[in-house]
PDB file of N, CA and C in Angstrom:
ATOM      1  N   LEU A   1      47.454 -54.281  94.630  1.00  0.00           N
ATOM      2  CA  LEU A   1      47.837 -55.535  95.259  1.00  0.00           C
ATOM      3  C   LEU A   1      46.579 -56.329  95.527  1.00  0.00           C
ATOM      4  N   LEU A   2      46.502 -57.491  94.955  1.00  0.00           N
ATOM      5  CA  LEU A   2      45.391 -58.385  95.232  1.00  0.00           C
ATOM      6  C   LEU A   2      45.862 -59.450  96.195  1.00  0.00           C
ATOM      7  N   GLU A   3      45.040 -59.742  97.160  1.00  0.00           N
ATOM      8  CA  GLU A   3      45.384 -60.724  98.177  1.00  0.00           C
ATOM      9  C   GLU A   3      44.732 -62.059  97.845  1.00  0.00           C
ATOM     10  N   ASP A   4      45.493 -63.133  97.942  1.00  0.00           N
ATOM     11  CA  ASP A   4      44.960 -64.470  97.724  1.00  0.00           C
ATOM     12  C   ASP A   4      44.324 -64.930  99.031  1.00  0.00           C
ATOM     13  N   THR A   5      43.002 -64.792  99.138  1.00  0.00           N
ATOM     14  CA  THR A   5      42.315 -65.115 100.387  1.00  0.00           C
ATOM     15  C   THR A   5      42.169 -66.619 100.612  1.00  0.00           C
ATOM     16  N   LEU A   6      42.631 -67.421  99.677  1.00  0.00           N
ATOM     17  CA  LEU A   6      42.560 -68.873  99.851  1.00  0.00           C
ATOM     18  C   LEU A   6      43.930 -69.481 100.131  1.00  0.00           C
ATOM     19  N   GLU A   7      44.975 -68.644 100.218  1.00  0.00           N
ATOM     20  CA  GLU A   7      46.328 -69.134 100.468  1.00  0.00           C
ATOM     21  C   GLU A   7      46.528 -69.407 101.957  1.00  0.00           C
ATOM     22  N   PHE A   8      47.110 -70.545 102.257  1.00  0.00           N
ATOM     23  CA  PHE A   8      47.402 -70.929 103.632  1.00  0.00           C
ATOM     24  C   PHE A   8      48.901 -71.112 103.800  1.00  0.00           C
ATOM     25  N   ILE A   9      49.424 -70.686 104.939  1.00  0.00           N
ATOM     26  CA  ILE A   9      50.813 -70.925 105.294  1.00  0.00           C
ATOM     27  C   ILE A   9      50.784 -71.929 106.433  1.00  0.00           C
ATOM     28  N   ASP A  10      51.286 -73.116 106.208  1.00  0.00           N
ATOM     29  CA  ASP A  10      51.244 -74.168 107.218  1.00  0.00           C
ATOM     30  C   ASP A  10      52.076 -73.804 108.449  1.00  0.00           C
ATOM     31  N   GLY A  11      51.713 -74.373 109.587  1.00  0.00           N
ATOM     32  CA  GLY A  11      52.458 -74.168 110.820  1.00  0.00           C
ATOM     33  C   GLY A  11      53.927 -74.513 110.627  1.00  0.00           C
ATOM     34  N   GLY A  12      54.804 -73.677 111.185  1.00  0.00           N
ATOM     35  CA  GLY A  12      56.234 -73.887 111.042  1.00  0.00           C
ATOM     36  C   GLY A  12      56.807 -73.326 109.751  1.00  0.00           C
ATOM     37  N   LYS A  13      55.962 -72.880 108.853  1.00  0.00           N
ATOM     38  CA  LYS A  13      56.405 -72.282 107.587  1.00  0.00           C
ATOM     39  C   LYS A  13      56.318 -70.769 107.711  1.00  0.00           C
ATOM     40  N   SER A  14      56.935 -70.077 106.782  1.00  0.00           N
ATOM     41  CA  SER A  14      56.860 -68.619 106.786  1.00  0.00           C
ATOM     42  C   SER A  14      56.753 -68.105 105.363  1.00  0.00           C
ATOM     43  N   LYS A  15      56.364 -66.863 105.260  1.00  0.00           N
ATOM     44  CA  LYS A  15      56.279 -66.201 103.966  1.00  0.00           C
ATOM     45  C   LYS A  15      56.618 -64.728 104.199  1.00  0.00           C
ATOM     46  N   THR A  16      57.388 -64.164 103.310  1.00  0.00           N
ATOM     47  CA  THR A  16      57.745 -62.758 103.397  1.00  0.00           C
ATOM     48  C   THR A  16      56.878 -61.962 102.422  1.00  0.00           C
ATOM     49  N   TYR A  17      56.259 -60.925 102.939  1.00  0.00           N
ATOM     50  CA  TYR A  17      55.454 -60.034 102.115  1.00  0.00           C
ATOM     51  C   TYR A  17      56.221 -58.733 101.915  1.00  0.00           C
ATOM     52  N   THR A  18      56.145 -58.177 100.732  1.00  0.00           N
ATOM     53  CA  THR A  18      56.763 -56.891 100.437  1.00  0.00           C
ATOM     54  C   THR A  18      55.664 -55.948  99.973  1.00  0.00           C
ATOM     55  N   PHE A  19      55.647 -54.772 100.557  1.00  0.00           N
ATOM     56  CA  PHE A  19      54.618 -53.795 100.221  1.00  0.00           C
ATOM     57  C   PHE A  19      55.275 -52.540  99.664  1.00  0.00           C
ATOM     58  N   ASP A  20      54.749 -52.041  98.570  1.00  0.00           N
ATOM     59  CA  ASP A  20      55.178 -50.763  98.018  1.00  0.00           C
ATOM     60  C   ASP A  20      54.199 -49.714  98.528  1.00  0.00           C
ATOM     61  N   ILE A  21      54.706 -48.811  99.377  1.00  0.00           N
ATOM     62  CA  ILE A  21      53.866 -47.762  99.944  1.00  0.00           C
ATOM     63  C   ILE A  21      53.862 -46.597  98.964  1.00  0.00           C
ATOM     64  N   PRO A  22      52.689 -46.162  98.494  1.00  0.00           N
ATOM     65  CA  PRO A  22      52.642 -45.028  97.563  1.00  0.00           C
ATOM     66  C   PRO A  22      53.260 -43.780  98.195  1.00  0.00           C
ATOM     67  N   THR A  23      53.883 -42.952  97.383  1.00  0.00           N
ATOM     68  CA  THR A  23      54.535 -41.751  97.909  1.00  0.00           C
ATOM     69  C   THR A  23      53.538 -40.756  98.484  1.00  0.00           C
ATOM     70  N   ASP A  24      52.283 -40.835  98.089  1.00  0.00           N
ATOM     71  CA  ASP A  24      51.278 -39.918  98.636  1.00  0.00           C
ATOM     72  C   ASP A  24      50.517 -40.519  99.826  1.00  0.00           C
ATOM     73  N   GLN A  25      50.974 -41.663 100.329  1.00  0.00           N
ATOM     74  CA  GLN A  25      50.348 -42.285 101.503  1.00  0.00           C
ATOM     75  C   GLN A  25      50.648 -41.444 102.736  1.00  0.00           C
ATOM     76  N   PRO A  26      49.613 -40.949 103.424  1.00  0.00           N
ATOM     77  CA  PRO A  26      49.875 -40.182 104.640  1.00  0.00           C
ATOM     78  C   PRO A  26      50.512 -41.075 105.706  1.00  0.00           C
ATOM     79  N   PRO A  27      51.395 -40.507 106.528  1.00  0.00           N
ATOM     80  CA  PRO A  27      51.982 -41.299 107.604  1.00  0.00           C
ATOM     81  C   PRO A  27      50.914 -41.676 108.611  1.00  0.00           C
ATOM     82  N   GLY A  28      51.151 -42.734 109.340  1.00  0.00           N
ATOM     83  CA  GLY A  28      50.190 -43.120 110.364  1.00  0.00           C
ATOM     84  C   GLY A  28      50.461 -44.511 110.899  1.00  0.00           C
ATOM     85  N   LEU A  29      49.672 -44.864 111.868  1.00  0.00           N
ATOM     86  CA  LEU A  29      49.735 -46.177 112.499  1.00  0.00           C
ATOM     87  C   LEU A  29      48.522 -46.966 112.032  1.00  0.00           C
ATOM     88  N   HIS A  30      48.764 -48.092 111.417  1.00  0.00           N
ATOM     89  CA  HIS A  30      47.696 -48.927 110.858  1.00  0.00           C
ATOM     90  C   HIS A  30      47.824 -50.320 111.463  1.00  0.00           C
ATOM     91  N   TRP A  31      46.843 -51.168 111.222  1.00  0.00           N
ATOM     92  CA  TRP A  31      46.944 -52.535 111.719  1.00  0.00           C
ATOM     93  C   TRP A  31      46.646 -53.500 110.583  1.00  0.00           C
ATOM     94  N   TYR A  32      47.182 -54.692 110.722  1.00  0.00           N
ATOM     95  CA  TYR A  32      46.957 -55.717 109.705  1.00  0.00           C
ATOM     96  C   TYR A  32      46.428 -56.983 110.369  1.00  0.00           C
ATOM     97  N   HIS A  33      45.752 -57.775 109.559  1.00  0.00           N
ATOM     98  CA  HIS A  33      45.274 -59.100 109.966  1.00  0.00           C
ATOM     99  C   HIS A  33      45.029 -59.887 108.688  1.00  0.00           C
ATOM    100  N   ASN A  34      44.879 -61.169 108.841  1.00  0.00           N
ATOM    101  CA  ASN A  34      44.712 -61.990 107.637  1.00  0.00           C
ATOM    102  C   ASN A  34      43.292 -61.873 107.087  1.00  0.00           C
ATOM    103  N   HIS A  35      43.150 -62.246 105.846  1.00  0.00           N
ATOM    104  CA  HIS A  35      41.844 -62.269 105.198  1.00  0.00           C
ATOM    105  C   HIS A  35      41.564 -63.639 104.598  1.00  0.00           C
ATOM    106  N   VAL A  36      42.179 -64.673 105.129  1.00  0.00           N
ATOM    107  CA  VAL A  36      41.950 -66.009 104.587  1.00  0.00           C
ATOM    108  C   VAL A  36      40.473 -66.346 104.759  1.00  0.00           C
ATOM    109  N   HIS A  37      39.839 -66.698 103.673  1.00  0.00           N
ATOM    110  CA  HIS A  37      38.400 -66.940 103.651  1.00  0.00           C
ATOM    111  C   HIS A  37      37.979 -67.918 104.751  1.00  0.00           C
ATOM    112  N   GLY A  38      37.074 -67.471 105.590  1.00  0.00           N
ATOM    113  CA  GLY A  38      36.514 -68.339 106.623  1.00  0.00           C
ATOM    114  C   GLY A  38      37.294 -68.379 107.925  1.00  0.00           C
ATOM    115  N   THR A  39      38.465 -67.703 108.003  1.00  0.00           N
ATOM    116  CA  THR A  39      39.259 -67.788 109.228  1.00  0.00           C
ATOM    117  C   THR A  39      39.620 -66.433 109.830  1.00  0.00           C
ATOM    118  N   ALA A  40      39.208 -65.333 109.209  1.00  0.00           N
ATOM    119  CA  ALA A  40      39.649 -64.005 109.665  1.00  0.00           C
ATOM    120  C   ALA A  40      39.242 -63.744 111.115  1.00  0.00           C
ATOM    121  N   ALA A  41      37.992 -63.993 111.469  1.00  0.00           N
ATOM    122  CA  ALA A  41      37.532 -63.738 112.848  1.00  0.00           C
ATOM    123  C   ALA A  41      38.300 -64.614 113.835  1.00  0.00           C
ATOM    124  N   TYR A  42      38.453 -65.879 113.533  1.00  0.00           N
ATOM    125  CA  TYR A  42      39.198 -66.787 114.412  1.00  0.00           C
ATOM    126  C   TYR A  42      40.646 -66.318 114.579  1.00  0.00           C
ATOM    127  N   SER A  43      41.263 -65.899 113.476  1.00  0.00           N
ATOM    128  CA  SER A  43      42.656 -65.455 113.526  1.00  0.00           C
ATOM    129  C   SER A  43      42.813 -64.194 114.374  1.00  0.00           C
ATOM    130  N   VAL A  44      41.926 -63.231 114.195  1.00  0.00           N
ATOM    131  CA  VAL A  44      41.995 -62.004 114.999  1.00  0.00           C
ATOM    132  C   VAL A  44      41.778 -62.335 116.466  1.00  0.00           C
ATOM    133  N   LEU A  45      40.811 -63.187 116.765  1.00  0.00           N
ATOM    134  CA  LEU A  45      40.560 -63.574 118.156  1.00  0.00           C
ATOM    135  C   LEU A  45      41.716 -64.385 118.732  1.00  0.00           C
ATOM    136  N   SER A  46      42.544 -64.961 117.870  1.00  0.00           N
ATOM    137  CA  SER A  46      43.708 -65.726 118.324  1.00  0.00           C
ATOM    138  C   SER A  46      44.957 -64.863 118.419  1.00  0.00           C
ATOM    139  N   GLY A  47      44.844 -63.584 118.103  1.00  0.00           N
ATOM    140  CA  GLY A  47      45.974 -62.674 118.225  1.00  0.00           C
ATOM    141  C   GLY A  47      46.858 -62.585 117.004  1.00  0.00           C
ATOM    142  N   LEU A  48      46.378 -63.007 115.851  1.00  0.00           N
ATOM    143  CA  LEU A  48      47.182 -62.958 114.627  1.00  0.00           C
ATOM    144  C   LEU A  48      46.962 -61.636 113.897  1.00  0.00           C
ATOM    145  N   TYR A  49      47.514 -60.577 114.463  1.00  0.00           N
ATOM    146  CA  TYR A  49      47.424 -59.250 113.877  1.00  0.00           C
ATOM    147  C   TYR A  49      48.574 -58.417 114.417  1.00  0.00           C
ATOM    148  N   GLY A  50      48.785 -57.249 113.844  1.00  0.00           N
ATOM    149  CA  GLY A  50      49.891 -56.410 114.312  1.00  0.00           C
ATOM    150  C   GLY A  50      49.842 -55.021 113.727  1.00  0.00           C
ATOM    151  N   PHE A  51      50.898 -54.254 113.998  1.00  0.00           N
ATOM    152  CA  PHE A  51      51.003 -52.870 113.550  1.00  0.00           C
ATOM    153  C   PHE A  51      51.701 -52.762 112.206  1.00  0.00           C
ATOM    154  N   LEU A  52      51.358 -51.719 111.492  1.00  0.00           N
ATOM    155  CA  LEU A  52      52.081 -51.303 110.300  1.00  0.00           C
ATOM    156  C   LEU A  52      52.266 -49.794 110.434  1.00  0.00           C
ATOM    157  N   VAL A  53      53.514 -49.352 110.573  1.00  0.00           N
ATOM    158  CA  VAL A  53      53.822 -47.940 110.779  1.00  0.00           C
ATOM    159  C   VAL A  53      54.330 -47.350 109.471  1.00  0.00           C
ATOM    160  N   VAL A  54      53.703 -46.267 109.027  1.00  0.00           N
ATOM    161  CA  VAL A  54      54.136 -45.565 107.816  1.00  0.00           C
ATOM    162  C   VAL A  54      54.778 -44.255 108.253  1.00  0.00           C
ATOM    163  N   GLU A  55      56.076 -44.097 107.937  1.00  0.00           N
ATOM    164  CA  GLU A  55      56.827 -42.894 108.286  1.00  0.00           C
ATOM    165  C   GLU A  55      57.647 -42.441 107.080  1.00  0.00           C
ATOM    166  N   GLY A  56      58.267 -41.282 107.206  1.00  0.00           N
ATOM    167  CA  GLY A  56      59.199 -40.827 106.189  1.00  0.00           C
ATOM    168  C   GLY A  56      58.582 -40.136 105.001  1.00  0.00           C
ATOM    169  N   THR A  57      57.354 -39.642 105.136  1.00  0.00           N
ATOM    170  CA  THR A  57      56.727 -38.906 104.043  1.00  0.00           C
ATOM    171  C   THR A  57      56.890 -37.412 104.293  1.00  0.00           C
ATOM    172  N   ASP A  58      56.501 -36.604 103.327  1.00  0.00           N
ATOM    173  CA  ASP A  58      56.579 -35.150 103.482  1.00  0.00           C
ATOM    174  C   ASP A  58      55.680 -34.650 104.608  1.00  0.00           C
ATOM    175  N   GLU A  59      54.653 -35.411 104.950  1.00  0.00           N
ATOM    176  CA  GLU A  59      53.720 -35.019 106.004  1.00  0.00           C
ATOM    177  C   GLU A  59      54.086 -35.618 107.358  1.00  0.00           C
ATOM    178  N   ASP A  60      55.222 -36.280 107.441  1.00  0.00           N
ATOM    179  CA  ASP A  60      55.617 -37.001 108.647  1.00  0.00           C
ATOM    180  C   ASP A  60      55.960 -36.030 109.772  1.00  0.00           C
ATOM    181  N   LEU A  61      55.221 -36.109 110.874  1.00  0.00           N
ATOM    182  CA  LEU A  61      55.439 -35.226 112.014  1.00  0.00           C
ATOM    183  C   LEU A  61      56.709 -35.556 112.786  1.00  0.00           C
ATOM    184  N   THR A  62      57.332 -36.705 112.517  1.00  0.00           N
ATOM    185  CA  THR A  62      58.538 -37.060 113.269  1.00  0.00           C
ATOM    186  C   THR A  62      59.716 -36.169 112.897  1.00  0.00           C
ATOM    187  N   ALA A  63      59.559 -35.307 111.894  1.00  0.00           N
ATOM    188  CA  ALA A  63      60.610 -34.347 111.565  1.00  0.00           C
ATOM    189  C   ALA A  63      60.618 -33.174 112.548  1.00  0.00           C
ATOM    190  N   VAL A  64      59.526 -32.977 113.282  1.00  0.00           N
ATOM    191  CA  VAL A  64      59.464 -31.919 114.297  1.00  0.00           C
ATOM    192  C   VAL A  64      60.388 -32.332 115.447  1.00  0.00           C
ATOM    193  N   PRO A  65      61.351 -31.478 115.822  1.00  0.00           N
ATOM    194  CA  PRO A  65      62.353 -31.875 116.826  1.00  0.00           C
ATOM    195  C   PRO A  65      61.761 -32.430 118.127  1.00  0.00           C
ATOM    196  N   GLU A  66      60.725 -31.800 118.640  1.00  0.00           N
ATOM    197  CA  GLU A  66      60.136 -32.278 119.898  1.00  0.00           C
ATOM    198  C   GLU A  66      59.538 -33.675 119.752  1.00  0.00           C
ATOM    199  N   ILE A  67      59.049 -33.969 118.597  1.00  0.00           N
ATOM    200  CA  ILE A  67      58.481 -35.305 118.346  1.00  0.00           C
ATOM    201  C   ILE A  67      59.597 -36.290 118.028  1.00  0.00           C
ATOM    202  N   ALA A  68      60.592 -35.850 117.274  1.00  0.00           N
ATOM    203  CA  ALA A  68      61.706 -36.723 116.915  1.00  0.00           C
ATOM    204  C   ALA A  68      62.452 -37.205 118.156  1.00  0.00           C
ATOM    205  N   ASP A  69      62.498 -36.375 119.203  1.00  0.00           N
ATOM    206  CA  ASP A  69      63.190 -36.741 120.440  1.00  0.00           C
ATOM    207  C   ASP A  69      62.349 -37.625 121.361  1.00  0.00           C
ATOM    208  N   ALA A  70      61.087 -37.786 121.060  1.00  0.00           N
ATOM    209  CA  ALA A  70      60.194 -38.575 121.914  1.00  0.00           C
ATOM    210  C   ALA A  70      60.449 -40.072 121.719  1.00  0.00           C
ATOM    211  N   THR A  71      60.114 -40.840 122.733  1.00  0.00           N
ATOM    212  CA  THR A  71      60.218 -42.291 122.658  1.00  0.00           C
ATOM    213  C   THR A  71      58.874 -42.857 122.221  1.00  0.00           C
ATOM    214  N   GLU A  72      58.905 -43.705 121.201  1.00  0.00           N
ATOM    215  CA  GLU A  72      57.671 -44.343 120.741  1.00  0.00           C
ATOM    216  C   GLU A  72      57.455 -45.647 121.493  1.00  0.00           C
ATOM    217  N   VAL A  73      56.253 -45.826 121.973  1.00  0.00           N
ATOM    218  CA  VAL A  73      55.862 -47.085 122.605  1.00  0.00           C
ATOM    219  C   VAL A  73      54.547 -47.505 121.963  1.00  0.00           C
ATOM    220  N   PHE A  74      54.556 -48.638 121.313  1.00  0.00           N
ATOM    221  CA  PHE A  74      53.345 -49.157 120.689  1.00  0.00           C
ATOM    222  C   PHE A  74      52.785 -50.274 121.559  1.00  0.00           C
ATOM    223  N   MET A  75      51.516 -50.197 121.858  1.00  0.00           N
ATOM    224  CA  MET A  75      50.881 -51.243 122.645  1.00  0.00           C
ATOM    225  C   MET A  75      49.541 -51.571 121.978  1.00  0.00           C
ATOM    226  N   MET A  76      49.360 -52.816 121.665  1.00  0.00           N
ATOM    227  CA  MET A  76      48.097 -53.255 121.070  1.00  0.00           C
ATOM    228  C   MET A  76      47.466 -54.237 122.049  1.00  0.00           C
ATOM    229  N   LEU A  77      46.278 -53.927 122.451  1.00  0.00           N
ATOM    230  CA  LEU A  77      45.544 -54.804 123.367  1.00  0.00           C
ATOM    231  C   LEU A  77      44.482 -55.548 122.586  1.00  0.00           C
ATOM    232  N   GLY A  78      44.276 -56.761 122.921  1.00  0.00           N
ATOM    233  CA  GLY A  78      43.259 -57.548 122.251  1.00  0.00           C
ATOM    234  C   GLY A  78      42.684 -58.601 123.170  1.00  0.00           C
ATOM    235  N   GLU A  79      41.516 -59.023 122.854  1.00  0.00           N
ATOM    236  CA  GLU A  79      40.864 -60.084 123.600  1.00  0.00           C
ATOM    237  C   GLU A  79      41.001 -61.368 122.799  1.00  0.00           C
ATOM    238  N   SER A  80      41.508 -62.403 123.424  1.00  0.00           N
ATOM    239  CA  SER A  80      41.699 -63.649 122.689  1.00  0.00           C
ATOM    240  C   SER A  80      40.736 -64.716 123.215  1.00  0.00           C
ATOM    241  N   MET A  81      40.714 -65.802 122.514  1.00  0.00           N
ATOM    242  CA  MET A  81      39.802 -66.890 122.849  1.00  0.00           C
ATOM    243  C   MET A  81      40.287 -67.621 124.089  1.00  0.00           C
TER     244      MET A  81
END
């Protein structure tokens, strides 16, 4: 997947991204942010980032009953401008 680092989505507009997760991708909690040339730092400082959760693989610990019964709470803290 190549990212177009010069693509802009204007305010009030949206775009849907679809990602194909490889079957050998280990499960985990990852984060995303934009890579638009010249704006990445500003965007991260403005809070334009989030979580990406990978589950459902053969290595996924959520199949363990004690973990499967647990409640997930995701909290991302950030410093903004």
